[in-house]
Amino acid sequence: MSDHSQIVYSAAEWMDYPAHEKTYNSFVKLGTIFASTAATVLALMAIFLT
């Protein structure tokens, strides 16, 4: 089996992978916040508008 414990960045050395990972993590966090906010609004609408 191959050893996948180390991340190898040799495919594109000119790319700034730490910045890419930070952007991706921010995107996932924002998506999670948006989804939970939407779910909360829908739940409140179901409670108070029926």
PDB file of N, CA and C in Angstrom:
ATOM      1  N   MET A   1       0.828  -1.185   0.000  1.00  0.00           N
ATOM      2  CA  MET A   1       0.000   0.000   0.000  1.00  0.00           C
ATOM      3  C   MET A   1       0.872   1.248   0.000  1.00  0.00           C
ATOM      4  N   SER A   2       0.335   2.306  -0.517  1.00  0.00           N
ATOM      5  CA  SER A   2       1.056   3.572  -0.536  1.00  0.00           C
ATOM      6  C   SER A   2       0.919   4.274   0.804  1.00  0.00           C
ATOM      7  N   ASP A   3       1.935   5.049   1.124  1.00  0.00           N
ATOM      8  CA  ASP A   3       1.906   5.834   2.353  1.00  0.00           C
ATOM      9  C   ASP A   3       1.294   7.195   2.045  1.00  0.00           C
ATOM     10  N   HIS A   4       0.102   7.456   2.580  1.00  0.00           N
ATOM     11  CA  HIS A   4      -0.606   8.700   2.306  1.00  0.00           C
ATOM     12  C   HIS A   4      -0.635   9.604   3.537  1.00  0.00           C
ATOM     13  N   SER A   5       0.288   9.423   4.443  1.00  0.00           N
ATOM     14  CA  SER A   5       0.281  10.236   5.653  1.00  0.00           C
ATOM     15  C   SER A   5       0.849  11.628   5.419  1.00  0.00           C
ATOM     16  N   GLN A   6       1.632  11.815   4.374  1.00  0.00           N
ATOM     17  CA  GLN A   6       2.205  13.116   4.050  1.00  0.00           C
ATOM     18  C   GLN A   6       1.513  13.694   2.822  1.00  0.00           C
ATOM     19  N   ILE A   7       1.244  14.986   2.855  1.00  0.00           N
ATOM     20  CA  ILE A   7       0.680  15.665   1.695  1.00  0.00           C
ATOM     21  C   ILE A   7       1.833  16.081   0.790  1.00  0.00           C
ATOM     22  N   VAL A   8       1.737  15.721  -0.471  1.00  0.00           N
ATOM     23  CA  VAL A   8       2.793  16.041  -1.426  1.00  0.00           C
ATOM     24  C   VAL A   8       2.289  17.138  -2.344  1.00  0.00           C
ATOM     25  N   TYR A   9       3.009  18.249  -2.390  1.00  0.00           N
ATOM     26  CA  TYR A   9       2.622  19.387  -3.201  1.00  0.00           C
ATOM     27  C   TYR A   9       3.492  19.512  -4.448  1.00  0.00           C
ATOM     28  N   SER A  10       4.079  18.448  -4.912  1.00  0.00           N
ATOM     29  CA  SER A  10       5.009  18.548  -6.034  1.00  0.00           C
ATOM     30  C   SER A  10       4.303  18.716  -7.382  1.00  0.00           C
ATOM     31  N   ALA A  11       3.006  18.482  -7.442  1.00  0.00           N
ATOM     32  CA  ALA A  11       2.289  18.583  -8.712  1.00  0.00           C
ATOM     33  C   ALA A  11       2.254  20.014  -9.226  1.00  0.00           C
ATOM     34  N   ALA A  12       2.131  20.951  -8.343  1.00  0.00           N
ATOM     35  CA  ALA A  12       2.082  22.360  -8.746  1.00  0.00           C
ATOM     36  C   ALA A  12       2.754  23.175  -7.653  1.00  0.00           C
ATOM     37  N   GLU A  13       4.042  23.282  -7.724  1.00  0.00           N
ATOM     38  CA  GLU A  13       4.794  23.952  -6.664  1.00  0.00           C
ATOM     39  C   GLU A  13       4.527  25.446  -6.606  1.00  0.00           C
ATOM     40  N   TRP A  14       4.049  26.037  -7.678  1.00  0.00           N
ATOM     41  CA  TRP A  14       3.798  27.467  -7.700  1.00  0.00           C
ATOM     42  C   TRP A  14       2.496  27.852  -7.008  1.00  0.00           C
ATOM     43  N   MET A  15       1.649  26.884  -6.704  1.00  0.00           N
ATOM     44  CA  MET A  15       0.372  27.183  -6.058  1.00  0.00           C
ATOM     45  C   MET A  15       0.564  27.356  -4.560  1.00  0.00           C
ATOM     46  N   ASP A  16      -0.264  28.201  -3.973  1.00  0.00           N
ATOM     47  CA  ASP A  16      -0.209  28.483  -2.545  1.00  0.00           C
ATOM     48  C   ASP A  16      -1.264  27.615  -1.847  1.00  0.00           C
ATOM     49  N   TYR A  17      -0.894  26.381  -1.561  1.00  0.00           N
ATOM     50  CA  TYR A  17      -1.859  25.442  -0.998  1.00  0.00           C
ATOM     51  C   TYR A  17      -2.380  25.839   0.377  1.00  0.00           C
ATOM     52  N   PRO A  18      -1.560  26.376   1.271  1.00  0.00           N
ATOM     53  CA  PRO A  18      -2.144  26.822   2.550  1.00  0.00           C
ATOM     54  C   PRO A  18      -3.252  27.862   2.360  1.00  0.00           C
ATOM     55  N   ALA A  19      -3.096  28.759   1.395  1.00  0.00           N
ATOM     56  CA  ALA A  19      -4.152  29.741   1.121  1.00  0.00           C
ATOM     57  C   ALA A  19      -5.391  29.059   0.543  1.00  0.00           C
ATOM     58  N   HIS A  20      -5.194  28.073  -0.307  1.00  0.00           N
ATOM     59  CA  HIS A  20      -6.331  27.325  -0.866  1.00  0.00           C
ATOM     60  C   HIS A  20      -7.084  26.603   0.238  1.00  0.00           C
ATOM     61  N   GLU A  21      -6.356  25.976   1.147  1.00  0.00           N
ATOM     62  CA  GLU A  21      -7.001  25.245   2.237  1.00  0.00           C
ATOM     63  C   GLU A  21      -7.742  26.196   3.165  1.00  0.00           C
ATOM     64  N   LYS A  22      -7.173  27.371   3.416  1.00  0.00           N
ATOM     65  CA  LYS A  22      -7.837  28.360   4.266  1.00  0.00           C
ATOM     66  C   LYS A  22      -9.128  28.849   3.605  1.00  0.00           C
ATOM     67  N   THR A  23      -9.076  29.099   2.296  1.00  0.00           N
ATOM     68  CA  THR A  23     -10.266  29.536   1.567  1.00  0.00           C
ATOM     69  C   THR A  23     -11.342  28.459   1.577  1.00  0.00           C
ATOM     70  N   TYR A  24     -10.934  27.205   1.367  1.00  0.00           N
ATOM     71  CA  TYR A  24     -11.894  26.099   1.380  1.00  0.00           C
ATOM     72  C   TYR A  24     -12.540  25.958   2.752  1.00  0.00           C
ATOM     73  N   ASN A  25     -11.741  26.028   3.803  1.00  0.00           N
ATOM     74  CA  ASN A  25     -12.295  25.915   5.158  1.00  0.00           C
ATOM     75  C   ASN A  25     -13.251  27.053   5.459  1.00  0.00           C
ATOM     76  N   SER A  26     -12.936  28.259   4.983  1.00  0.00           N
ATOM     77  CA  SER A  26     -13.845  29.390   5.168  1.00  0.00           C
ATOM     78  C   SER A  26     -15.146  29.179   4.399  1.00  0.00           C
ATOM     79  N   PHE A  27     -15.040  28.640   3.193  1.00  0.00           N
ATOM     80  CA  PHE A  27     -16.223  28.366   2.377  1.00  0.00           C
ATOM     81  C   PHE A  27     -17.126  27.330   3.053  1.00  0.00           C
ATOM     82  N   VAL A  28     -16.537  26.287   3.588  1.00  0.00           N
ATOM     83  CA  VAL A  28     -17.321  25.253   4.274  1.00  0.00           C
ATOM     84  C   VAL A  28     -17.982  25.822   5.519  1.00  0.00           C
ATOM     85  N   LYS A  29     -17.254  26.641   6.266  1.00  0.00           N
ATOM     86  CA  LYS A  29     -17.811  27.257   7.470  1.00  0.00           C
ATOM     87  C   LYS A  29     -18.980  28.176   7.117  1.00  0.00           C
ATOM     88  N   LEU A  30     -18.808  28.999   6.074  1.00  0.00           N
ATOM     89  CA  LEU A  30     -19.878  29.891   5.638  1.00  0.00           C
ATOM     90  C   LEU A  30     -21.098  29.100   5.161  1.00  0.00           C
ATOM     91  N   GLY A  31     -20.875  28.017   4.429  1.00  0.00           N
ATOM     92  CA  GLY A  31     -21.980  27.174   3.983  1.00  0.00           C
ATOM     93  C   GLY A  31     -22.729  26.548   5.133  1.00  0.00           C
ATOM     94  N   THR A  32     -21.997  26.133   6.160  1.00  0.00           N
ATOM     95  CA  THR A  32     -22.626  25.546   7.347  1.00  0.00           C
ATOM     96  C   THR A  32     -23.472  26.590   8.076  1.00  0.00           C
ATOM     97  N   ILE A  33     -22.932  27.794   8.207  1.00  0.00           N
ATOM     98  CA  ILE A  33     -23.681  28.869   8.869  1.00  0.00           C
ATOM     99  C   ILE A  33     -24.932  29.210   8.066  1.00  0.00           C
ATOM    100  N   PHE A  34     -24.802  29.306   6.746  1.00  0.00           N
ATOM    101  CA  PHE A  34     -25.954  29.619   5.902  1.00  0.00           C
ATOM    102  C   PHE A  34     -27.024  28.530   6.004  1.00  0.00           C
ATOM    103  N   ALA A  35     -26.621  27.272   5.946  1.00  0.00           N
ATOM    104  CA  ALA A  35     -27.586  26.169   5.999  1.00  0.00           C
ATOM    105  C   ALA A  35     -28.300  26.129   7.346  1.00  0.00           C
ATOM    106  N   SER A  36     -27.574  26.345   8.437  1.00  0.00           N
ATOM    107  CA  SER A  36     -28.214  26.318   9.748  1.00  0.00           C
ATOM    108  C   SER A  36     -29.145  27.521   9.928  1.00  0.00           C
ATOM    109  N   THR A  37     -28.773  28.661   9.377  1.00  0.00           N
ATOM    110  CA  THR A  37     -29.648  29.832   9.442  1.00  0.00           C
ATOM    111  C   THR A  37     -30.925  29.601   8.644  1.00  0.00           C
ATOM    112  N   ALA A  38     -30.789  29.030   7.467  1.00  0.00           N
ATOM    113  CA  ALA A  38     -31.962  28.733   6.647  1.00  0.00           C
ATOM    114  C   ALA A  38     -32.871  27.716   7.337  1.00  0.00           C
ATOM    115  N   ALA A  39     -32.294  26.706   7.958  1.00  0.00           N
ATOM    116  CA  ALA A  39     -33.092  25.708   8.659  1.00  0.00           C
ATOM    117  C   ALA A  39     -33.820  26.331   9.851  1.00  0.00           C
ATOM    118  N   THR A  40     -33.151  27.233  10.554  1.00  0.00           N
ATOM    119  CA  THR A  40     -33.774  27.905  11.691  1.00  0.00           C
ATOM    120  C   THR A  40     -34.934  28.791  11.236  1.00  0.00           C
ATOM    121  N   VAL A  41     -34.735  29.520  10.162  1.00  0.00           N
ATOM    122  CA  VAL A  41     -35.799  30.387   9.636  1.00  0.00           C
ATOM    123  C   VAL A  41     -36.991  29.533   9.194  1.00  0.00           C
ATOM    124  N   LEU A  42     -36.734  28.443   8.516  1.00  0.00           N
ATOM    125  CA  LEU A  42     -37.841  27.567   8.096  1.00  0.00           C
ATOM    126  C   LEU A  42     -38.581  26.967   9.287  1.00  0.00           C
ATOM    127  N   ALA A  43     -37.842  26.576  10.316  1.00  0.00           N
ATOM    128  CA  ALA A  43     -38.492  26.017  11.512  1.00  0.00           C
ATOM    129  C   ALA A  43     -39.347  27.082  12.211  1.00  0.00           C
ATOM    130  N   LEU A  44     -38.831  28.293  12.307  1.00  0.00           N
ATOM    131  CA  LEU A  44     -39.603  29.374  12.926  1.00  0.00           C
ATOM    132  C   LEU A  44     -40.823  29.727  12.089  1.00  0.00           C
ATOM    133  N   MET A  45     -40.679  29.690  10.784  1.00  0.00           N
ATOM    134  CA  MET A  45     -41.839  29.953   9.923  1.00  0.00           C
ATOM    135  C   MET A  45     -42.895  28.866  10.107  1.00  0.00           C
ATOM    136  N   ALA A  46     -42.452  27.612  10.232  1.00  0.00           N
ATOM    137  CA  ALA A  46     -43.401  26.518  10.414  1.00  0.00           C
ATOM    138  C   ALA A  46     -44.136  26.641  11.757  1.00  0.00           C
ATOM    139  N   ILE A  47     -43.453  27.147  12.760  1.00  0.00           N
ATOM    140  CA  ILE A  47     -44.067  27.267  14.084  1.00  0.00           C
ATOM    141  C   ILE A  47     -45.027  28.451  14.125  1.00  0.00           C
ATOM    142  N   PHE A  48     -44.576  29.608  13.657  1.00  0.00           N
ATOM    143  CA  PHE A  48     -45.347  30.833  13.873  1.00  0.00           C
ATOM    144  C   PHE A  48     -46.297  31.205  12.736  1.00  0.00           C
ATOM    145  N   LEU A  49     -46.176  30.582  11.581  1.00  0.00           N
ATOM    146  CA  LEU A  49     -47.050  30.956  10.477  1.00  0.00           C
ATOM    147  C   LEU A  49     -48.132  29.914  10.203  1.00  0.00           C
ATOM    148  N   THR A  50     -48.285  28.957  11.089  1.00  0.00           N
ATOM    149  CA  THR A  50     -49.349  27.954  10.886  1.00  0.00           C
ATOM    150  C   THR A  50     -50.438  28.124  11.893  1.00  0.00           C
TER     151      THR A  50
END
